[in-house]
PDB file of all heavy atoms in Angstrom:
ATOM      1  N   ILE A   1      -4.755  -8.610  -0.819  1.00  0.00           N
ATOM      2  CA  ILE A   1      -5.530  -9.661  -0.146  1.00  0.00           C
ATOM      3  C   ILE A   1      -5.128  -9.852   1.288  1.00  0.00           C
ATOM      4  O   ILE A   1      -5.972 -10.082   2.171  1.00  0.00           O
ATOM      5  CB  ILE A   1      -5.417 -10.971  -0.965  1.00  0.00           C
ATOM      6  CG1 ILE A   1      -5.892 -10.783  -2.399  1.00  0.00           C
ATOM      7  CG2 ILE A   1      -6.134 -12.094  -0.290  1.00  0.00           C
ATOM      8  CD1 ILE A   1      -5.748 -11.948  -3.311  1.00  0.00           C
ATOM      9  N   GLN A   2      -3.872  -9.711   1.565  1.00  0.00           N
ATOM     10  CA  GLN A   2      -3.423  -9.717   2.964  1.00  0.00           C
ATOM     11  C   GLN A   2      -4.052  -8.639   3.761  1.00  0.00           C
ATOM     12  O   GLN A   2      -4.430  -8.860   4.968  1.00  0.00           O
ATOM     13  CB  GLN A   2      -1.880  -9.655   3.032  1.00  0.00           C
ATOM     14  CG  GLN A   2      -1.330  -9.765   4.391  1.00  0.00           C
ATOM     15  CD  GLN A   2      -1.577 -11.145   5.029  1.00  0.00           C
ATOM     16  OE1 GLN A   2      -1.396 -12.176   4.362  1.00  0.00           O
ATOM     17  NE2 GLN A   2      -2.065 -11.164   6.292  1.00  0.00           N
ATOM     18  N   ASP A   3      -4.204  -7.473   3.170  1.00  0.00           N
ATOM     19  CA  ASP A   3      -4.884  -6.379   3.869  1.00  0.00           C
ATOM     20  C   ASP A   3      -6.296  -6.767   4.234  1.00  0.00           C
ATOM     21  O   ASP A   3      -6.822  -6.451   5.317  1.00  0.00           O
ATOM     22  CB  ASP A   3      -4.902  -5.130   3.008  1.00  0.00           C
ATOM     23  CG  ASP A   3      -3.517  -4.464   2.916  1.00  0.00           C
ATOM     24  OD1 ASP A   3      -2.658  -4.796   3.736  1.00  0.00           O
ATOM     25  OD2 ASP A   3      -3.328  -3.631   1.971  1.00  0.00           O
ATOM     26  N   ALA A   4      -6.988  -7.410   3.310  1.00  0.00           N
ATOM     27  CA  ALA A   4      -8.374  -7.885   3.546  1.00  0.00           C
ATOM     28  C   ALA A   4      -8.417  -8.911   4.659  1.00  0.00           C
ATOM     29  O   ALA A   4      -9.262  -8.854   5.559  1.00  0.00           O
ATOM     30  CB  ALA A   4      -8.998  -8.480   2.290  1.00  0.00           C
ATOM     31  N   ALA A   5      -7.408  -9.829   4.690  1.00  0.00           N
ATOM     32  CA  ALA A   5      -7.317 -10.809   5.760  1.00  0.00           C
ATOM     33  C   ALA A   5      -7.094 -10.149   7.092  1.00  0.00           C
ATOM     34  O   ALA A   5      -7.671 -10.419   8.101  1.00  0.00           O
ATOM     35  CB  ALA A   5      -6.320 -11.872   5.445  1.00  0.00           C
ATOM     36  N   ASP A   6      -6.141  -9.172   7.088  1.00  0.00           N
ATOM     37  CA  ASP A   6      -5.840  -8.439   8.325  1.00  0.00           C
ATOM     38  C   ASP A   6      -7.013  -7.691   8.855  1.00  0.00           C
ATOM     39  O   ASP A   6      -7.257  -7.649  10.080  1.00  0.00           O
ATOM     40  CB  ASP A   6      -4.685  -7.495   8.078  1.00  0.00           C
ATOM     41  CG  ASP A   6      -3.353  -8.173   7.866  1.00  0.00           C
ATOM     42  OD1 ASP A   6      -3.236  -9.338   8.276  1.00  0.00           O
ATOM     43  OD2 ASP A   6      -2.448  -7.502   7.303  1.00  0.00           O
ATOM     44  N   ALA A   7      -7.809  -7.128   7.922  1.00  0.00           N
ATOM     45  CA  ALA A   7      -9.023  -6.398   8.365  1.00  0.00           C
ATOM     46  C   ALA A   7     -10.022  -7.291   9.112  1.00  0.00           C
ATOM     47  O   ALA A   7     -10.801  -6.774   9.905  1.00  0.00           O
ATOM     48  CB  ALA A   7      -9.664  -5.745   7.140  1.00  0.00           C
ATOM     49  N   ALA A   8     -10.009  -8.566   8.822  1.00  0.00           N
ATOM     50  CA  ALA A   8     -10.913  -9.510   9.498  1.00  0.00           C
ATOM     51  C   ALA A   8     -10.186 -10.326  10.549  1.00  0.00           C
ATOM     52  O   ALA A   8     -10.764 -11.257  11.116  1.00  0.00           O
ATOM     53  CB  ALA A   8     -11.484 -10.428   8.443  1.00  0.00           C
ATOM     54  N   ASP A   9      -8.905 -10.012  10.776  1.00  0.00           N
ATOM     55  CA  ASP A   9      -8.096 -10.793  11.730  1.00  0.00           C
ATOM     56  C   ASP A   9      -8.138 -12.293  11.340  1.00  0.00           C
ATOM     57  O   ASP A   9      -8.311 -13.162  12.170  1.00  0.00           O
ATOM     58  CB  ASP A   9      -8.589 -10.614  13.171  1.00  0.00           C
ATOM     59  CG  ASP A   9      -7.623 -11.151  14.207  1.00  0.00           C
ATOM     60  OD1 ASP A   9      -6.408 -11.176  13.829  1.00  0.00           O
ATOM     61  OD2 ASP A   9      -7.995 -11.453  15.308  1.00  0.00           O
ATOM     62  N   ALA A  10      -7.946 -12.552  10.022  1.00  0.00           N
ATOM     63  CA  ALA A  10      -8.042 -13.906   9.492  1.00  0.00           C
ATOM     64  C   ALA A  10      -6.669 -14.343   8.961  1.00  0.00           C
ATOM     65  O   ALA A  10      -5.824 -13.532   8.663  1.00  0.00           O
ATOM     66  CB  ALA A  10      -9.059 -13.954   8.347  1.00  0.00           C
ATOM     67  N   TYR A  11      -6.522 -15.666   8.876  1.00  0.00           N
ATOM     68  CA  TYR A  11      -5.334 -16.181   8.191  1.00  0.00           C
ATOM     69  C   TYR A  11      -5.505 -15.968   6.673  1.00  0.00           C
ATOM     70  O   TYR A  11      -6.602 -15.756   6.147  1.00  0.00           O
ATOM     71  CB  TYR A  11      -5.188 -17.703   8.444  1.00  0.00           C
ATOM     72  CG  TYR A  11      -4.977 -18.069   9.850  1.00  0.00           C
ATOM     73  CD1 TYR A  11      -5.893 -18.795  10.589  1.00  0.00           C
ATOM     74  CD2 TYR A  11      -3.738 -17.774  10.488  1.00  0.00           C
ATOM     75  CE1 TYR A  11      -5.658 -19.155  11.907  1.00  0.00           C
ATOM     76  CE2 TYR A  11      -3.494 -18.137  11.795  1.00  0.00           C
ATOM     77  CZ  TYR A  11      -4.458 -18.871  12.488  1.00  0.00           C
ATOM     78  OH  TYR A  11      -4.264 -19.217  13.805  1.00  0.00           O
ATOM     79  N   HIS A  12      -4.391 -15.990   5.959  1.00  0.00           N
ATOM     80  CA  HIS A  12      -4.396 -15.852   4.523  1.00  0.00           C
ATOM     81  C   HIS A  12      -3.667 -17.061   3.941  1.00  0.00           C
ATOM     82  O   HIS A  12      -2.462 -17.283   4.184  1.00  0.00           O
ATOM     83  CB  HIS A  12      -3.695 -14.544   4.137  1.00  0.00           C
ATOM     84  CG  HIS A  12      -3.544 -14.369   2.664  1.00  0.00           C
ATOM     85  ND1 HIS A  12      -2.735 -13.346   2.108  1.00  0.00           N
ATOM     86  CD2 HIS A  12      -4.143 -14.942   1.571  1.00  0.00           C
ATOM     87  CE1 HIS A  12      -2.787 -13.375   0.779  1.00  0.00           C
ATOM     88  NE2 HIS A  12      -3.675 -14.374   0.438  1.00  0.00           N
ATOM     89  N   LEU A  13      -4.399 -17.796   3.123  1.00  0.00           N
ATOM     90  CA  LEU A  13      -3.850 -18.935   2.403  1.00  0.00           C
ATOM     91  C   LEU A  13      -3.786 -18.598   0.905  1.00  0.00           C
ATOM     92  O   LEU A  13      -4.823 -18.341   0.265  1.00  0.00           O
ATOM     93  CB  LEU A  13      -4.703 -20.174   2.559  1.00  0.00           C
ATOM     94  CG  LEU A  13      -4.541 -21.366   1.589  1.00  0.00           C
ATOM     95  CD1 LEU A  13      -3.111 -21.918   1.612  1.00  0.00           C
ATOM     96  CD2 LEU A  13      -5.486 -22.467   1.869  1.00  0.00           C
ATOM     97  N   ALA A  14      -2.590 -18.554   0.349  1.00  0.00           N
ATOM     98  CA  ALA A  14      -2.386 -18.324  -1.093  1.00  0.00           C
ATOM     99  C   ALA A  14      -2.083 -19.625  -1.784  1.00  0.00           C
ATOM    100  O   ALA A  14      -1.076 -20.243  -1.529  1.00  0.00           O
ATOM    101  CB  ALA A  14      -1.233 -17.329  -1.260  1.00  0.00           C
ATOM    102  N   ASP A  15      -3.003 -20.021  -2.665  1.00  0.00           N
ATOM    103  CA  ASP A  15      -2.865 -21.295  -3.398  1.00  0.00           C
ATOM    104  C   ASP A  15      -2.301 -20.983  -4.788  1.00  0.00           C
ATOM    105  O   ASP A  15      -2.986 -20.512  -5.619  1.00  0.00           O
ATOM    106  CB  ASP A  15      -4.247 -21.960  -3.496  1.00  0.00           C
ATOM    107  CG  ASP A  15      -4.209 -23.271  -4.246  1.00  0.00           C
ATOM    108  OD1 ASP A  15      -3.146 -23.600  -4.826  1.00  0.00           O
ATOM    109  OD2 ASP A  15      -5.280 -23.940  -4.338  1.00  0.00           O
ATOM    110  N   ILE A  16      -1.020 -21.323  -4.962  1.00  0.00           N
ATOM    111  CA  ILE A  16      -0.398 -20.962  -6.219  1.00  0.00           C
ATOM    112  C   ILE A  16      -0.229 -22.173  -7.119  1.00  0.00           C
ATOM    113  O   ILE A  16       0.711 -22.300  -7.918  1.00  0.00           O
ATOM    114  CB  ILE A  16       1.011 -20.298  -6.017  1.00  0.00           C
ATOM    115  CG1 ILE A  16       1.961 -21.195  -5.282  1.00  0.00           C
ATOM    116  CG2 ILE A  16       0.879 -18.975  -5.285  1.00  0.00           C
ATOM    117  CD1 ILE A  16       3.428 -20.715  -5.220  1.00  0.00           C
ATOM    118  N   ALA A  17      -1.226 -23.088  -6.982  1.00  0.00           N
ATOM    119  CA  ALA A  17      -1.150 -24.364  -7.762  1.00  0.00           C
ATOM    120  C   ALA A  17      -0.713 -24.221  -9.216  1.00  0.00           C
ATOM    121  O   ALA A  17       0.143 -24.909  -9.747  1.00  0.00           O
ATOM    122  CB  ALA A  17      -2.475 -25.099  -7.636  1.00  0.00           C
ATOM    123  N   HIS A  18      -1.370 -23.258  -9.851  1.00  0.00           N
ATOM    124  CA  HIS A  18      -1.150 -23.034 -11.333  1.00  0.00           C
ATOM    125  C   HIS A  18       0.171 -22.360 -11.579  1.00  0.00           C
ATOM    126  O   HIS A  18       0.782 -22.554 -12.642  1.00  0.00           O
ATOM    127  CB  HIS A  18      -2.289 -22.255 -11.969  1.00  0.00           C
ATOM    128  CG  HIS A  18      -3.373 -23.160 -12.498  1.00  0.00           C
ATOM    129  ND1 HIS A  18      -3.509 -23.458 -13.793  1.00  0.00           N
ATOM    130  CD2 HIS A  18      -4.355 -23.841 -11.856  1.00  0.00           C
ATOM    131  CE1 HIS A  18      -4.520 -24.228 -14.016  1.00  0.00           C
ATOM    132  NE2 HIS A  18      -5.030 -24.518 -12.848  1.00  0.00           N
ATOM    133  N   ILE A  19       0.573 -21.481 -10.708  1.00  0.00           N
ATOM    134  CA  ILE A  19       1.677 -20.577 -11.010  1.00  0.00           C
ATOM    135  C   ILE A  19       2.952 -20.838 -10.204  1.00  0.00           C
ATOM    136  O   ILE A  19       3.798 -19.980 -10.090  1.00  0.00           O
ATOM    137  CB  ILE A  19       1.249 -19.111 -10.856  1.00  0.00           C
ATOM    138  CG1 ILE A  19       0.710 -18.825  -9.452  1.00  0.00           C
ATOM    139  CG2 ILE A  19       0.205 -18.725 -11.918  1.00  0.00           C
ATOM    140  CD1 ILE A  19       0.433 -17.367  -9.184  1.00  0.00           C
ATOM    141  N   THR A  20       3.059 -22.035  -9.668  1.00  0.00           N
ATOM    142  CA  THR A  20       4.232 -22.376  -8.849  1.00  0.00           C
ATOM    143  C   THR A  20       5.529 -22.090  -9.674  1.00  0.00           C
ATOM    144  O   THR A  20       6.485 -21.503  -9.111  1.00  0.00           O
ATOM    145  CB  THR A  20       4.236 -23.884  -8.455  1.00  0.00           C
ATOM    146  OG1 THR A  20       3.854 -24.680  -9.541  1.00  0.00           O
ATOM    147  CG2 THR A  20       3.324 -24.098  -7.288  1.00  0.00           C
ATOM    148  N   GLY A  21       5.538 -22.491 -10.898  1.00  0.00           N
ATOM    149  CA  GLY A  21       6.767 -22.238 -11.729  1.00  0.00           C
ATOM    150  C   GLY A  21       6.963 -20.806 -12.075  1.00  0.00           C
ATOM    151  O   GLY A  21       8.109 -20.348 -12.055  1.00  0.00           O
ATOM    152  N   LEU A  22       5.909 -20.082 -12.345  1.00  0.00           N
ATOM    153  CA  LEU A  22       6.032 -18.637 -12.660  1.00  0.00           C
ATOM    154  C   LEU A  22       6.535 -17.839 -11.429  1.00  0.00           C
ATOM    155  O   LEU A  22       7.353 -16.972 -11.566  1.00  0.00           O
ATOM    156  CB  LEU A  22       4.673 -18.064 -13.091  1.00  0.00           C
ATOM    157  CG  LEU A  22       3.974 -18.811 -14.290  1.00  0.00           C
ATOM    158  CD1 LEU A  22       2.711 -18.046 -14.686  1.00  0.00           C
ATOM    159  CD2 LEU A  22       4.936 -18.998 -15.443  1.00  0.00           C
ATOM    160  N   VAL A  23       6.064 -18.244 -10.247  1.00  0.00           N
ATOM    161  CA  VAL A  23       6.545 -17.617  -9.016  1.00  0.00           C
ATOM    162  C   VAL A  23       7.968 -17.935  -8.765  1.00  0.00           C
ATOM    163  O   VAL A  23       8.804 -17.074  -8.449  1.00  0.00           O
ATOM    164  CB  VAL A  23       5.647 -17.977  -7.826  1.00  0.00           C
ATOM    165  CG1 VAL A  23       6.251 -17.510  -6.499  1.00  0.00           C
ATOM    166  CG2 VAL A  23       4.227 -17.382  -8.004  1.00  0.00           C
ATOM    167  N   ALA A  24       8.312 -19.231  -8.919  1.00  0.00           N
ATOM    168  CA  ALA A  24       9.712 -19.659  -8.697  1.00  0.00           C
ATOM    169  C   ALA A  24      10.692 -18.913  -9.581  1.00  0.00           C
ATOM    170  O   ALA A  24      11.798 -18.575  -9.165  1.00  0.00           O
ATOM    171  CB  ALA A  24       9.830 -21.149  -8.861  1.00  0.00           C
TER     172      ALA A  24
END
C-alpha cells in the first residue's frame, strides 16, 4: 500500500483500530 501511495506522491495513513493489540 505504501508503494501505491508513493506512486501517487501521497501520504499513507494506516488505521489499525481493530488490530492495535495484534500489532503490538
